[in-house]
Protein backbone atom coordinates (compact mmCIF):
# COMPACT_ATOMS: atom_id res chain seq x y z
CA MET A 1 -104.19 93.64 145.67
CA THR A 2 -106.72 96.24 147.08
CA ALA A 3 -109.56 97.40 144.84
CA PRO A 4 -109.82 100.93 143.67
CA ARG A 5 -112.42 102.95 145.77
CA THR A 6 -113.41 105.22 142.90
CA GLY A 7 -117.23 104.83 142.22
CA HIS A 8 -119.06 103.46 139.53
CA PHE A 9 -117.29 105.22 136.88
CA ALA A 10 -114.05 103.31 137.36
CA ALA A 11 -115.82 99.94 136.48
CA GLY A 12 -115.25 100.98 132.83
CA GLY A 13 -111.59 101.82 133.34
CA VAL A 14 -109.71 105.09 133.21
CA SER A 15 -108.66 107.00 130.24
CA LEU A 16 -105.56 109.19 130.06
CA ILE A 17 -106.23 112.45 127.90
CA GLY A 18 -102.91 114.40 127.07
CA VAL A 19 -103.36 118.14 126.29
CA PRO A 20 -99.91 119.37 125.65
CA THR A 21 -100.23 123.09 125.55
CA ASP A 22 -99.14 126.24 127.44
CA ILE A 23 -101.38 128.56 125.67
CA GLY A 24 -103.04 130.07 128.56
CA ALA A 25 -99.97 130.47 130.60
CA GLY A 26 -97.35 133.22 131.04
CA THR A 27 -94.36 130.87 131.17
CA LEU A 28 -93.57 128.17 128.46
CA GLY A 29 -93.14 124.59 129.52
CA SER A 30 -96.22 123.01 130.77
CA ARG A 31 -96.97 121.58 127.14
CA MET A 32 -94.44 118.95 128.34
CA GLY A 33 -96.46 117.94 131.39
CA PRO A 34 -98.20 114.99 129.93
CA GLU A 35 -95.06 113.26 128.88
CA ALA A 36 -93.30 114.06 132.26
CA LEU A 37 -96.43 112.29 133.93
CA ARG A 38 -96.21 109.40 131.57
CA VAL A 39 -92.26 109.13 132.40
CA ALA A 40 -93.12 109.19 136.04
CA GLY A 41 -95.49 106.06 135.56
CA ILE A 42 -98.94 107.17 135.98
CA ALA A 43 -100.29 104.37 133.82
CA PRO A 44 -98.40 101.30 135.74
CA ALA A 45 -99.12 103.09 139.09
CA LEU A 46 -102.86 102.86 138.44
CA GLN A 47 -102.69 99.47 136.91
CA ALA A 48 -100.76 98.22 140.01
CA LEU A 49 -103.89 99.32 142.03
CA GLY A 50 -106.27 97.15 139.80
CA VAL A 51 -107.42 100.08 137.65
CA LYS A 52 -107.96 99.47 133.81
CA VAL A 53 -105.98 102.11 132.01
CA ARG A 54 -106.43 103.31 128.45
CA ASP A 55 -103.94 105.92 127.24
CA ARG A 56 -105.84 107.88 124.44
CA GLY A 57 -102.51 109.81 123.63
CA ASN A 58 -102.44 113.55 123.26
CA LEU A 59 -104.71 115.84 121.65
CA GLN A 60 -103.74 117.85 118.82
CA GLY A 61 -104.33 121.71 118.79
CA PRO A 62 -102.56 125.02 117.66
CA ALA A 63 -99.17 125.95 118.57
CA ASN A 64 -98.54 128.70 121.09
CA PRO A 65 -98.12 131.96 119.21
CA TRP A 66 -96.60 133.95 122.32
CA LEU A 67 -98.54 137.16 121.52
CA ALA A 68 -99.59 140.12 123.60
CA ALA A 69 -103.10 140.52 124.96
CA VAL A 70 -105.86 141.52 122.80
CA ASN A 71 -108.94 143.15 124.54
CA GLY A 72 -107.70 141.45 127.78
CA PHE A 73 -106.87 137.95 126.59
CA ARG A 74 -104.00 136.22 125.30
CA HIS A 75 -104.40 133.76 122.60
CA LEU A 76 -108.28 133.64 123.05
CA PRO A 77 -108.94 131.84 119.59
CA GLU A 78 -106.21 129.12 120.39
CA VAL A 79 -107.33 128.75 123.96
CA ALA A 80 -110.98 128.35 122.66
CA LEU A 81 -109.98 125.59 120.25
CA TRP A 82 -107.96 123.53 122.64
CA ASN A 83 -110.75 123.74 125.26
CA ARG A 84 -113.54 122.62 122.66
CA LEU A 85 -111.21 119.75 121.72
CA LEU A 86 -110.93 118.79 125.33
CA HIS A 87 -114.53 119.18 126.09
CA ASP A 88 -115.38 116.64 123.22
CA ALA A 89 -112.81 114.14 124.30
CA MET A 90 -113.76 114.40 128.06
CA HIS A 91 -117.48 114.03 127.17
CA ALA A 92 -117.03 111.13 125.03
CA GLU A 93 -115.16 109.09 127.58
CA LEU A 94 -117.84 110.07 130.38
CA ARG A 95 -120.66 108.97 128.06
CA ALA A 96 -118.66 105.60 127.56
CA GLY A 97 -118.64 105.14 131.41
CA ARG A 98 -114.96 105.88 131.88
CA LEU A 99 -113.17 107.98 134.26
CA PRO A 100 -111.16 110.49 132.28
CA ILE A 101 -107.90 111.99 133.59
CA MET A 102 -106.88 115.15 131.89
CA LEU A 103 -102.97 115.50 131.84
CA GLY A 104 -102.14 119.22 131.20
CA GLY A 105 -101.07 121.51 130.08
CA ASP A 106 -102.09 124.81 131.88
CA HIS A 107 -105.17 125.32 133.91
CA CYS A 108 -107.13 127.28 131.27
CA LEU A 109 -107.93 123.67 130.16
CA GLY A 110 -110.16 123.43 133.36
CA ILE A 111 -112.70 125.41 131.27
CA GLY A 112 -113.26 122.50 128.58
CA SER A 113 -112.71 119.63 131.09
CA ILE A 114 -115.35 120.91 133.74
CA SER A 115 -117.76 122.04 131.11
CA ALA A 116 -117.88 118.41 129.80
CA VAL A 117 -118.27 116.99 133.25
CA ALA A 118 -121.08 119.47 133.95
CA ARG A 119 -122.86 118.79 130.80
CA HIS A 120 -122.66 114.93 131.59
CA CYS A 121 -123.83 115.38 135.09
CA ARG A 122 -127.11 117.32 133.88
CA ALA A 123 -127.72 114.58 131.41
CA SER A 124 -127.32 111.86 133.74
CA GLY A 125 -129.07 113.60 136.64
CA GLN A 126 -126.22 113.63 139.12
CA PRO A 127 -125.15 116.21 141.58
CA LEU A 128 -121.74 117.63 140.79
CA ARG A 129 -119.06 118.73 143.21
CA VAL A 130 -115.65 120.21 142.03
CA LEU A 131 -112.72 120.36 144.30
CA TRP A 132 -110.39 122.95 142.84
CA PHE A 133 -106.85 122.66 144.49
CA ASP A 134 -104.89 125.62 143.52
CA ALA A 135 -102.77 128.42 144.92
CA HIS A 136 -104.84 130.95 143.03
CA ALA A 137 -108.69 131.57 142.64
CA ASP A 138 -108.39 131.70 138.95
CA PHE A 139 -111.31 134.17 138.89
CA ASN A 140 -109.77 137.00 136.76
CA THR A 141 -111.68 138.73 133.93
CA ALA A 142 -110.46 140.86 131.07
CA THR A 143 -110.85 143.78 133.05
CA LEU A 144 -109.03 142.57 136.10
CA THR A 145 -106.29 140.51 134.70
CA PRO A 146 -102.94 142.16 134.90
CA SER A 147 -101.69 139.79 132.14
CA GLY A 148 -104.30 138.57 130.02
CA ASN A 149 -103.22 134.93 130.54
CA ILE A 150 -106.38 132.89 130.53
CA HIS A 151 -104.95 130.24 132.94
CA GLY A 152 -106.02 132.77 135.53
CA MET A 153 -109.65 132.74 134.49
CA PRO A 154 -110.94 129.31 134.27
CA VAL A 155 -113.14 129.61 137.17
CA ALA A 156 -114.74 132.85 136.27
CA CYS A 157 -115.56 131.39 132.70
CA LEU A 158 -117.07 128.14 134.27
CA CYS A 159 -119.30 130.54 136.19
CA GLY A 160 -120.32 132.58 133.16
CA GLN A 161 -118.02 135.47 133.48
CA GLY A 162 -115.92 135.46 130.22
CA PRO A 163 -116.11 135.54 126.54
CA GLU A 164 -118.69 133.40 124.59
CA GLU A 165 -116.06 131.33 123.02
CA LEU A 166 -115.14 129.88 126.59
CA THR A 167 -118.47 130.20 128.58
CA GLY A 168 -120.48 128.41 125.74
CA LEU A 169 -118.64 124.98 125.63
CA ALA A 170 -121.22 123.19 127.33
CA ASP A 171 -125.19 122.87 126.93
CA ARG A 172 -125.79 125.96 128.80
CA VAL A 173 -124.23 129.26 130.37
CA PRO A 174 -122.89 129.16 133.19
CA ALA A 175 -121.41 125.65 132.60
CA MET A 176 -121.69 125.02 136.45
CA ALA A 177 -123.18 126.74 139.51
CA PRO A 178 -120.79 128.50 141.71
CA ALA A 179 -122.25 126.65 144.75
CA ASP A 180 -120.90 123.22 143.25
CA ILE A 181 -117.19 124.30 143.62
CA ARG A 182 -114.86 124.27 146.66
CA GLN A 183 -111.48 125.98 146.34
CA ILE A 184 -108.67 124.67 148.54
CA GLY A 185 -105.19 125.76 149.23
CA ILE A 186 -105.87 129.49 147.97
CA ARG A 187 -102.92 132.00 148.91
CA SER A 188 -102.69 134.28 145.97
CA VAL A 189 -105.60 136.46 145.05
CA ASP A 190 -105.70 139.87 143.27
CA ALA A 191 -108.02 142.45 145.21
CA GLY A 192 -110.64 142.58 142.45
CA GLU A 193 -110.55 138.95 142.04
CA LYS A 194 -111.35 138.58 145.70
CA ARG A 195 -114.59 140.55 145.34
CA LEU A 196 -115.82 138.65 142.62
CA VAL A 197 -115.24 135.43 144.22
CA HIS A 198 -117.13 136.68 147.51
CA ASP A 199 -119.97 138.08 145.04
CA MET A 200 -120.50 134.75 143.37
CA GLY A 201 -120.65 132.99 146.70
CA ILE A 202 -117.71 130.37 145.87
CA GLU A 203 -116.77 128.35 149.04
CA VAL A 204 -113.02 128.83 149.52
CA PHE A 205 -110.77 127.27 152.06
CA ASP A 206 -107.66 129.33 151.90
CA MET A 207 -104.22 128.66 153.65
CA ARG A 208 -105.07 130.64 156.68
CA CYS A 209 -108.27 128.42 157.09
CA ILE A 210 -106.07 125.30 156.54
CA ASP A 211 -103.65 126.51 159.30
CA GLU A 212 -106.28 127.34 161.82
CA TRP A 213 -108.50 124.42 161.16
CA GLY A 214 -106.37 121.68 159.90
CA MET A 215 -106.58 119.91 156.67
CA ARG A 216 -109.10 117.07 157.96
CA GLN A 217 -111.64 119.55 158.88
CA VAL A 218 -111.34 121.44 155.77
CA MET A 219 -111.73 118.43 153.67
CA GLU A 220 -114.70 117.44 155.78
CA HIS A 221 -116.37 120.82 155.07
CA ALA A 222 -115.25 120.59 151.39
CA LEU A 223 -116.85 117.07 150.93
CA ALA A 224 -120.00 117.69 153.18
CA GLY A 225 -123.02 116.67 151.23
CA VAL A 226 -121.29 114.42 148.84
CA ASP A 227 -123.33 111.20 148.75
CA HIS A 228 -123.68 107.92 146.69
CA ARG A 229 -124.94 109.93 143.47
CA THR A 230 -122.29 112.69 143.63
CA HIS A 231 -119.96 113.09 140.60
CA LEU A 232 -116.86 114.38 142.29
CA HIS A 233 -114.39 116.08 139.93
CA VAL A 234 -110.83 116.98 141.24
CA SER A 235 -108.89 119.78 139.41
CA LEU A 236 -105.39 119.67 140.69
CA ASP A 237 -102.97 122.34 139.83
CA VAL A 238 -99.66 121.31 141.27
CA ASP A 239 -98.87 124.89 142.35
CA PHE A 240 -101.40 124.04 145.18
CA LEU A 241 -98.39 122.28 146.67
CA ASP A 242 -95.66 124.16 148.40
CA PRO A 243 -92.89 124.84 146.00
CA ASP A 244 -90.38 123.18 148.31
CA ILE A 245 -91.80 119.72 147.30
CA ALA A 246 -93.19 120.83 143.84
CA PRO A 247 -90.77 123.28 142.30
CA GLY A 248 -91.91 122.36 138.61
CA VAL A 249 -94.56 124.86 138.07
CA GLY A 250 -94.61 128.25 136.56
CA THR A 251 -96.39 130.31 139.21
CA THR A 252 -95.11 129.01 142.50
CA VAL A 253 -96.60 130.59 145.90
CA ARG A 254 -94.68 129.93 148.99
CA GLY A 255 -96.62 128.64 151.98
CA GLY A 256 -98.57 125.80 150.27
CA PRO A 257 -99.77 122.38 151.93
CA THR A 258 -97.18 119.85 152.94
CA TYR A 259 -96.85 116.33 151.50
CA ARG A 260 -98.79 114.77 154.15
CA GLU A 261 -101.52 117.42 154.11
CA ALA A 262 -101.91 116.81 150.19
CA GLN A 263 -101.84 113.13 150.83
CA LEU A 264 -104.61 113.42 153.35
CA CYS A 265 -106.74 115.35 150.81
CA MET A 266 -106.56 112.63 148.09
CA GLU A 267 -107.10 109.75 150.76
CA MET A 268 -110.11 111.52 151.99
CA ILE A 269 -111.49 111.89 148.40
CA ALA A 270 -110.79 108.07 147.66
CA ASP A 271 -112.78 107.28 151.00
CA THR A 272 -115.85 108.71 149.33
CA GLY A 273 -115.65 106.38 146.23
CA ARG A 274 -117.20 109.03 144.23
CA LEU A 275 -114.13 110.30 142.14
CA GLY A 276 -115.54 110.61 138.59
CA SER A 277 -113.04 112.58 136.76
CA LEU A 278 -109.63 114.34 137.29
CA ASP A 279 -107.38 117.18 135.97
CA VAL A 280 -103.68 117.35 136.56
CA VAL A 281 -102.40 120.77 135.42
CA GLU A 282 -99.62 123.31 135.49
CA LEU A 283 -96.76 120.72 135.69
CA ASN A 284 -93.74 122.48 133.90
CA PRO A 285 -90.78 119.75 133.53
CA ALA A 286 -88.68 122.77 132.35
CA LEU A 287 -88.55 124.11 135.78
CA ASP A 288 -88.47 120.75 137.59
CA VAL A 289 -85.73 119.03 139.42
CA ARG A 290 -85.25 115.33 138.04
CA ASN A 291 -88.97 114.90 137.55
CA GLN A 292 -89.79 115.22 141.19
CA THR A 293 -92.89 117.00 140.72
CA ALA A 294 -94.15 114.89 138.23
CA GLU A 295 -93.50 111.90 140.65
CA LEU A 296 -95.07 113.55 143.32
CA ALA A 297 -98.15 114.17 141.20
CA VAL A 298 -98.31 110.35 140.29
CA ASP A 299 -97.88 109.65 144.10
CA LEU A 300 -100.95 111.79 144.91
CA ILE A 301 -103.02 110.31 142.10
CA GLU A 302 -102.17 106.85 143.44
CA SER A 303 -103.74 107.87 146.74
CA LEU A 304 -106.94 109.26 144.72
CA PHE A 305 -107.27 105.70 143.63
CA GLY A 306 -107.16 104.17 146.83
CA LYS A 307 -103.55 103.72 147.81
CA SER A 308 -103.21 104.27 151.63
CA THR A 309 -100.83 104.19 154.57
CA LEU A 310 -103.70 103.68 156.88
CA MET A 311 -102.83 100.78 159.24
CA ARG A 312 -105.74 100.68 161.60
CA GLN A 313 -109.06 99.24 160.62
CA ALA A 314 -111.21 101.51 158.56
CA ASP A 315 -114.39 103.00 160.50
CA GLY A 316 -117.50 101.22 159.73
């Protein structure tokens, strides 16, 4: 059995944290994502790779009231509470030396998850690198958003652009520096959102970049500077993938990465040995076909933890 290549956090094992809510989304169903990932066998798949797994169950938060936006935000009090609960749960696992995997839920939860990771990195003196795999830039604001759905705003909130209830979860505002995030697979961005992303200086590898450079070169750039001290956080929105292979999401965008391109991303991350925390979000079983998107997500997570098809001897 191959030992997992996941950095020193994995020595304390992995903790699964289910967050069953679609509070920030415009389509119901991602609240069922955590159970779909469990049914797809996430725990036994990791255990087969030699990883110690603790399933912490699901967090308990407010129901989705399905209300219209107020001042540009839908469900802001409920979103804030879910993210506070998640921040505290993630931070506790990190402090205990475990690698937390957040099972979403919609991508508004990235606010609480990454706020906790950034806070932990400051306390431990570690550099942070966030890899944001997504079809969308998620940098909307109350004035830009066409819907008020907060799952389109988490990167903006993490960079200090948003309401205090969401920007102030960690020990400082902004929770993280825009220079610490790399966005990969982007192909659906509003015009105003695009200007903000450029103004903030976030490094984006969109689908045209992937088409022109190839996924290997994109990932080499995205991982440049990651060293033995870096905490690497992966935020995987399953709509990053092409909907032909991952139909179970509420916001599909054609033209995403293929199965092998996605696997290469995960394998190259595993090769760094620096994976320290993970989000898996926007899986919507109500829109899936026989749980195939959840099974694909588990397949990718296995690759993140060292499962590989590589036959040649590793370099070095």
